[in-house]
PDB file of N, CA and C in Angstrom:
ATOM      1  N   GLY A   1     119.648  34.071  62.696  1.00  0.00           N
ATOM      2  CA  GLY A   1     119.399  35.043  61.676  1.00  0.00           C
ATOM      3  C   GLY A   1     117.999  34.922  61.119  1.00  0.00           C
ATOM      4  N   ASP A   2     117.740  35.628  60.056  1.00  0.00           N
ATOM      5  CA  ASP A   2     116.420  35.625  59.430  1.00  0.00           C
ATOM      6  C   ASP A   2     116.078  34.279  58.804  1.00  0.00           C
ATOM      7  N   ASP A   3     117.093  33.481  58.491  1.00  0.00           N
ATOM      8  CA  ASP A   3     116.844  32.192  57.852  1.00  0.00           C
ATOM      9  C   ASP A   3     116.634  31.074  58.866  1.00  0.00           C
ATOM     10  N   GLY A   4     116.535  31.415  60.150  1.00  0.00           N
ATOM     11  CA  GLY A   4     116.279  30.419  61.176  1.00  0.00           C
ATOM     12  C   GLY A   4     117.512  29.772  61.764  1.00  0.00           C
ATOM     13  N   ARG A   5     118.670  30.026  61.187  1.00  0.00           N
ATOM     14  CA  ARG A   5     119.904  29.455  61.724  1.00  0.00           C
ATOM     15  C   ARG A   5     120.407  30.319  62.876  1.00  0.00           C
ATOM     16  N   PRO A   6     120.959  29.693  63.903  1.00  0.00           N
ATOM     17  CA  PRO A   6     121.502  30.489  65.011  1.00  0.00           C
ATOM     18  C   PRO A   6     122.742  31.256  64.563  1.00  0.00           C
ATOM     19  N   PHE A   7     123.026  32.334  65.256  1.00  0.00           N
ATOM     20  CA  PHE A   7     124.222  33.100  64.935  1.00  0.00           C
ATOM     21  C   PHE A   7     124.894  33.548  66.218  1.00  0.00           C
ATOM     22  N   LEU A   8     126.141  33.914  66.105  1.00  0.00           N
ATOM     23  CA  LEU A   8     126.915  34.340  67.258  1.00  0.00           C
ATOM     24  C   LEU A   8     126.662  35.810  67.553  1.00  0.00           C
ATOM     25  N   GLY A   9     126.863  36.180  68.811  1.00  0.00           N
ATOM     26  CA  GLY A   9     126.733  37.575  69.218  1.00  0.00           C
ATOM     27  C   GLY A   9     127.932  37.960  70.053  1.00  0.00           C
ATOM     28  N   PHE A  10     127.879  39.132  70.610  1.00  0.00           N
ATOM     29  CA  PHE A  10     128.967  39.629  71.439  1.00  0.00           C
ATOM     30  C   PHE A  10     128.490  39.822  72.869  1.00  0.00           C
ATOM     31  N   GLU A  11     129.392  39.632  73.801  1.00  0.00           N
ATOM     32  CA  GLU A  11     129.122  39.873  75.209  1.00  0.00           C
ATOM     33  C   GLU A  11     130.055  40.992  75.664  1.00  0.00           C
ATOM     34  N   THR A  12     129.507  41.955  76.396  1.00  0.00           N
ATOM     35  CA  THR A  12     130.323  43.056  76.896  1.00  0.00           C
ATOM     36  C   THR A  12     131.232  42.546  78.006  1.00  0.00           C
ATOM     37  N   LEU A  13     132.527  42.780  77.860  1.00  0.00           N
ATOM     38  CA  LEU A  13     133.497  42.336  78.861  1.00  0.00           C
ATOM     39  C   LEU A  13     133.938  43.468  79.775  1.00  0.00           C
ATOM     40  N   THR A  14     133.939  44.682  79.266  1.00  0.00           N
ATOM     41  CA  THR A  14     134.317  45.844  80.070  1.00  0.00           C
ATOM     42  C   THR A  14     133.236  46.903  79.934  1.00  0.00           C
ATOM     43  N   LEU A  15     133.049  47.670  80.985  1.00  0.00           N
ATOM     44  CA  LEU A  15     132.053  48.736  80.966  1.00  0.00           C
ATOM     45  C   LEU A  15     132.753  50.078  81.114  1.00  0.00           C
ATOM     46  N   VAL A  16     132.692  50.884  80.091  1.00  0.00           N
ATOM     47  CA  VAL A  16     133.249  52.237  80.117  1.00  0.00           C
ATOM     48  C   VAL A  16     132.258  53.159  79.413  1.00  0.00           C
ATOM     49  N   SER A  17     132.257  54.415  79.812  1.00  0.00           N
ATOM     50  CA  SER A  17     131.378  55.363  79.135  1.00  0.00           C
ATOM     51  C   SER A  17     131.923  55.646  77.737  1.00  0.00           C
ATOM     52  N   ILE A  18     131.019  55.947  76.834  1.00  0.00           N
ATOM     53  CA  ILE A  18     131.394  56.344  75.481  1.00  0.00           C
ATOM     54  C   ILE A  18     131.453  57.866  75.477  1.00  0.00           C
ATOM     55  N   ASP A  19     132.560  58.419  75.020  1.00  0.00           N
ATOM     56  CA  ASP A  19     132.771  59.865  75.048  1.00  0.00           C
ATOM     57  C   ASP A  19     131.716  60.575  74.208  1.00  0.00           C
ATOM     58  N   ARG A  20     130.868  61.346  74.879  1.00  0.00           N
ATOM     59  CA  ARG A  20     129.761  62.031  74.208  1.00  0.00           C
ATOM     60  C   ARG A  20     130.250  63.052  73.179  1.00  0.00           C
ATOM     61  N   THR A  21     131.438  63.617  73.381  1.00  0.00           N
ATOM     62  CA  THR A  21     131.935  64.616  72.426  1.00  0.00           C
ATOM     63  C   THR A  21     132.300  63.982  71.083  1.00  0.00           C
ATOM     64  N   LEU A  22     132.428  62.671  71.056  1.00  0.00           N
ATOM     65  CA  LEU A  22     132.760  61.968  69.816  1.00  0.00           C
ATOM     66  C   LEU A  22     131.526  61.413  69.109  1.00  0.00           C
ATOM     67  N   VAL A  23     130.353  61.634  69.690  1.00  0.00           N
ATOM     68  CA  VAL A  23     129.111  61.104  69.130  1.00  0.00           C
ATOM     69  C   VAL A  23     128.334  62.244  68.471  1.00  0.00           C
ATOM     70  N   ASP A  24     128.034  62.098  67.191  1.00  0.00           N
ATOM     71  CA  ASP A  24     127.185  63.064  66.493  1.00  0.00           C
ATOM     72  C   ASP A  24     125.744  62.590  66.662  1.00  0.00           C
ATOM     73  N   VAL A  25     125.097  63.122  67.681  1.00  0.00           N
ATOM     74  CA  VAL A  25     123.756  62.676  68.055  1.00  0.00           C
ATOM     75  C   VAL A  25     122.770  62.837  66.898  1.00  0.00           C
ATOM     76  N   ASP A  26     122.958  63.853  66.074  1.00  0.00           N
ATOM     77  CA  ASP A  26     122.055  64.083  64.943  1.00  0.00           C
ATOM     78  C   ASP A  26     122.105  62.954  63.917  1.00  0.00           C
ATOM     79  N   GLN A  27     123.163  62.166  63.926  1.00  0.00           N
ATOM     80  CA  GLN A  27     123.307  61.061  62.982  1.00  0.00           C
ATOM     81  C   GLN A  27     122.740  59.744  63.525  1.00  0.00           C
ATOM     82  N   LEU A  28     122.329  59.731  64.797  1.00  0.00           N
ATOM     83  CA  LEU A  28     121.820  58.508  65.418  1.00  0.00           C
ATOM     84  C   LEU A  28     120.318  58.363  65.196  1.00  0.00           C
ATOM     85  N   THR A  29     119.888  57.128  65.015  1.00  0.00           N
ATOM     86  CA  THR A  29     118.455  56.849  64.982  1.00  0.00           C
ATOM     87  C   THR A  29     117.940  56.826  66.417  1.00  0.00           C
ATOM     88  N   GLN A  30     116.628  56.839  66.578  1.00  0.00           N
ATOM     89  CA  GLN A  30     116.046  56.739  67.922  1.00  0.00           C
ATOM     90  C   GLN A  30     116.487  55.434  68.594  1.00  0.00           C
ATOM     91  N   GLU A  31     116.550  54.359  67.820  1.00  0.00           N
ATOM     92  CA  GLU A  31     116.976  53.065  68.354  1.00  0.00           C
ATOM     93  C   GLU A  31     118.417  53.133  68.857  1.00  0.00           C
ATOM     94  N   GLU A  32     119.285  53.774  68.101  1.00  0.00           N
ATOM     95  CA  GLU A  32     120.690  53.905  68.510  1.00  0.00           C
ATOM     96  C   GLU A  32     120.829  54.786  69.749  1.00  0.00           C
ATOM     97  N   ARG A  33     120.052  55.863  69.807  1.00  0.00           N
ATOM     98  CA  ARG A  33     120.065  56.713  71.004  1.00  0.00           C
ATOM     99  C   ARG A  33     119.605  55.917  72.223  1.00  0.00           C
ATOM    100  N   GLY A  34     118.555  55.132  72.037  1.00  0.00           N
ATOM    101  CA  GLY A  34     118.049  54.298  73.125  1.00  0.00           C
ATOM    102  C   GLY A  34     119.087  53.292  73.596  1.00  0.00           C
ATOM    103  N   TRP A  35     119.799  52.691  72.635  1.00  0.00           N
ATOM    104  CA  TRP A  35     120.843  51.728  73.000  1.00  0.00           C
ATOM    105  C   TRP A  35     121.929  52.406  73.816  1.00  0.00           C
ATOM    106  N   LEU A  36     122.390  53.591  73.367  1.00  0.00           N
ATOM    107  CA  LEU A  36     123.458  54.295  74.076  1.00  0.00           C
ATOM    108  C   LEU A  36     123.005  54.717  75.470  1.00  0.00           C
ATOM    109  N   ASP A  37     121.784  55.224  75.602  1.00  0.00           N
ATOM    110  CA  ASP A  37     121.267  55.598  76.920  1.00  0.00           C
ATOM    111  C   ASP A  37     121.172  54.379  77.842  1.00  0.00           C
ATOM    112  N   ALA A  38     120.707  53.252  77.316  1.00  0.00           N
ATOM    113  CA  ALA A  38     120.601  52.032  78.126  1.00  0.00           C
ATOM    114  C   ALA A  38     121.982  51.518  78.527  1.00  0.00           C
ATOM    115  N   TYR A  39     122.932  51.578  77.604  1.00  0.00           N
ATOM    116  CA  TYR A  39     124.292  51.144  77.912  1.00  0.00           C
ATOM    117  C   TYR A  39     124.891  52.025  79.001  1.00  0.00           C
ATOM    118  N   HIS A  40     124.732  53.335  78.881  1.00  0.00           N
ATOM    119  CA  HIS A  40     125.267  54.241  79.896  1.00  0.00           C
ATOM    120  C   HIS A  40     124.583  54.034  81.244  1.00  0.00           C
ATOM    121  N   ALA A  41     123.301  53.720  81.254  1.00  0.00           N
ATOM    122  CA  ALA A  41     122.608  53.413  82.512  1.00  0.00           C
ATOM    123  C   ALA A  41     123.223  52.169  83.151  1.00  0.00           C
ATOM    124  N   ARG A  42     123.544  51.178  82.336  1.00  0.00           N
ATOM    125  CA  ARG A  42     124.189  49.965  82.857  1.00  0.00           C
ATOM    126  C   ARG A  42     125.563  50.285  83.434  1.00  0.00           C
ATOM    127  N   VAL A  43     126.327  51.115  82.724  1.00  0.00           N
ATOM    128  CA  VAL A  43     127.646  51.525  83.223  1.00  0.00           C
ATOM    129  C   VAL A  43     127.493  52.186  84.592  1.00  0.00           C
ATOM    130  N   ARG A  44     126.561  53.139  84.706  1.00  0.00           N
ATOM    131  CA  ARG A  44     126.329  53.817  85.992  1.00  0.00           C
ATOM    132  C   ARG A  44     125.949  52.825  87.080  1.00  0.00           C
ATOM    133  N   ASP A  45     124.987  51.967  86.790  1.00  0.00           N
ATOM    134  CA  ASP A  45     124.483  51.025  87.797  1.00  0.00           C
ATOM    135  C   ASP A  45     125.566  50.091  88.316  1.00  0.00           C
ATOM    136  N   GLU A  46     126.433  49.628  87.435  1.00  0.00           N
ATOM    137  CA  GLU A  46     127.429  48.635  87.832  1.00  0.00           C
ATOM    138  C   GLU A  46     128.744  49.231  88.327  1.00  0.00           C
ATOM    139  N   ILE A  47     129.111  50.399  87.832  1.00  0.00           N
ATOM    140  CA  ILE A  47     130.414  50.975  88.171  1.00  0.00           C
ATOM    141  C   ILE A  47     130.338  51.985  89.316  1.00  0.00           C
ATOM    142  N   ALA A  48     129.283  52.777  89.382  1.00  0.00           N
ATOM    143  CA  ALA A  48     129.182  53.840  90.396  1.00  0.00           C
ATOM    144  C   ALA A  48     129.405  53.350  91.826  1.00  0.00           C
ATOM    145  N   PRO A  49     128.869  52.193  92.233  1.00  0.00           N
ATOM    146  CA  PRO A  49     129.088  51.746  93.616  1.00  0.00           C
ATOM    147  C   PRO A  49     130.562  51.483  93.958  1.00  0.00           C
ATOM    148  N   LEU A  50     131.397  51.358  92.952  1.00  0.00           N
ATOM    149  CA  LEU A  50     132.812  51.065  93.172  1.00  0.00           C
ATOM    150  C   LEU A  50     133.675  52.323  93.249  1.00  0.00           C
ATOM    151  N   LEU A  51     133.079  53.493  93.024  1.00  0.00           N
ATOM    152  CA  LEU A  51     133.842  54.729  92.887  1.00  0.00           C
ATOM    153  C   LEU A  51     133.722  55.637  94.106  1.00  0.00           C
ATOM    154  N   ASP A  52     134.709  56.522  94.252  1.00  0.00           N
ATOM    155  CA  ASP A  52     134.613  57.554  95.292  1.00  0.00           C
ATOM    156  C   ASP A  52     133.627  58.624  94.808  1.00  0.00           C
ATOM    157  N   GLU A  53     133.258  59.527  95.694  1.00  0.00           N
ATOM    158  CA  GLU A  53     132.207  60.503  95.405  1.00  0.00           C
ATOM    159  C   GLU A  53     132.535  61.404  94.210  1.00  0.00           C
ATOM    160  N   THR A  54     133.746  61.907  94.146  1.00  0.00           N
ATOM    161  CA  THR A  54     134.133  62.807  93.052  1.00  0.00           C
ATOM    162  C   THR A  54     134.076  62.095  91.707  1.00  0.00           C
ATOM    163  N   THR A  55     134.624  60.913  91.646  1.00  0.00           N
ATOM    164  CA  THR A  55     134.628  60.148  90.396  1.00  0.00           C
ATOM    165  C   THR A  55     133.214  59.726  90.025  1.00  0.00           C
ATOM    166  N   CYS A  56     132.414  59.433  91.015  1.00  0.00           N
ATOM    167  CA  CYS A  56     131.022  59.052  90.768  1.00  0.00           C
ATOM    168  C   CYS A  56     130.252  60.223  90.138  1.00  0.00           C
ATOM    169  N   ARG A  57     130.491  61.432  90.608  1.00  0.00           N
ATOM    170  CA  ARG A  57     129.847  62.611  90.012  1.00  0.00           C
ATOM    171  C   ARG A  57     130.271  62.769  88.549  1.00  0.00           C
ATOM    172  N   TRP A  58     131.558  62.541  88.266  1.00  0.00           N
ATOM    173  CA  TRP A  58     132.023  62.608  86.884  1.00  0.00           C
ATOM    174  C   TRP A  58     131.303  61.562  86.032  1.00  0.00           C
ATOM    175  N   LEU A  59     131.196  60.344  86.558  1.00  0.00           N
ATOM    176  CA  LEU A  59     130.540  59.267  85.814  1.00  0.00           C
ATOM    177  C   LEU A  59     129.079  59.610  85.536  1.00  0.00           C
ATOM    178  N   GLU A  60     128.392  60.167  86.519  1.00  0.00           N
ATOM    179  CA  GLU A  60     126.991  60.563  86.325  1.00  0.00           C
ATOM    180  C   GLU A  60     126.872  61.550  85.164  1.00  0.00           C
ATOM    181  N   SER A  61     127.788  62.510  85.109  1.00  0.00           N
ATOM    182  CA  SER A  61     127.767  63.498  84.031  1.00  0.00           C
ATOM    183  C   SER A  61     128.109  62.861  82.684  1.00  0.00           C
ATOM    184  N   ALA A  62     129.106  62.009  82.671  1.00  0.00           N
ATOM    185  CA  ALA A  62     129.579  61.390  81.423  1.00  0.00           C
ATOM    186  C   ALA A  62     128.564  60.421  80.831  1.00  0.00           C
ATOM    187  N   THR A  63     127.679  59.890  81.667  1.00  0.00           N
ATOM    188  CA  THR A  63     126.731  58.878  81.192  1.00  0.00           C
ATOM    189  C   THR A  63     125.282  59.359  81.237  1.00  0.00           C
ATOM    190  N   ARG A  64     125.081  60.669  81.359  1.00  0.00           N
ATOM    191  CA  ARG A  64     123.707  61.185  81.394  1.00  0.00           C
ATOM    192  C   ARG A  64     123.012  60.866  80.065  1.00  0.00           C
ATOM    193  N   PRO A  65     121.697  60.727  80.103  1.00  0.00           N
ATOM    194  CA  PRO A  65     120.960  60.402  78.872  1.00  0.00           C
ATOM    195  C   PRO A  65     121.141  61.471  77.794  1.00  0.00           C
ATOM    196  N   LEU A  66     121.086  61.053  76.552  1.00  0.00           N
ATOM    197  CA  LEU A  66     121.237  61.975  75.431  1.00  0.00           C
ATOM    198  C   LEU A  66     120.040  62.909  75.304  1.00  0.00           C
ATOM    199  N   SER A  67     118.865  62.405  75.661  1.00  0.00           N
ATOM    200  CA  SER A  67     117.669  63.234  75.483  1.00  0.00           C
ATOM    201  C   SER A  67     117.027  63.584  76.795  1.00  0.00           C
TER     202      SER A  67
END
């Protein structure tokens, strides 16, 4: 933390897309938008190779960048 003491964090255990229809993009900061875009890129990179073509196309659409 800011006081120099170490702190715990979280590790992602599962990778799933975040439903874009539930995200009010206008309420996100640029940093939050960047985090969501980076997370969705990670989901695509790691999950897409495991999917069939149709499902992969859905994943590409579901995880497209916000901007």
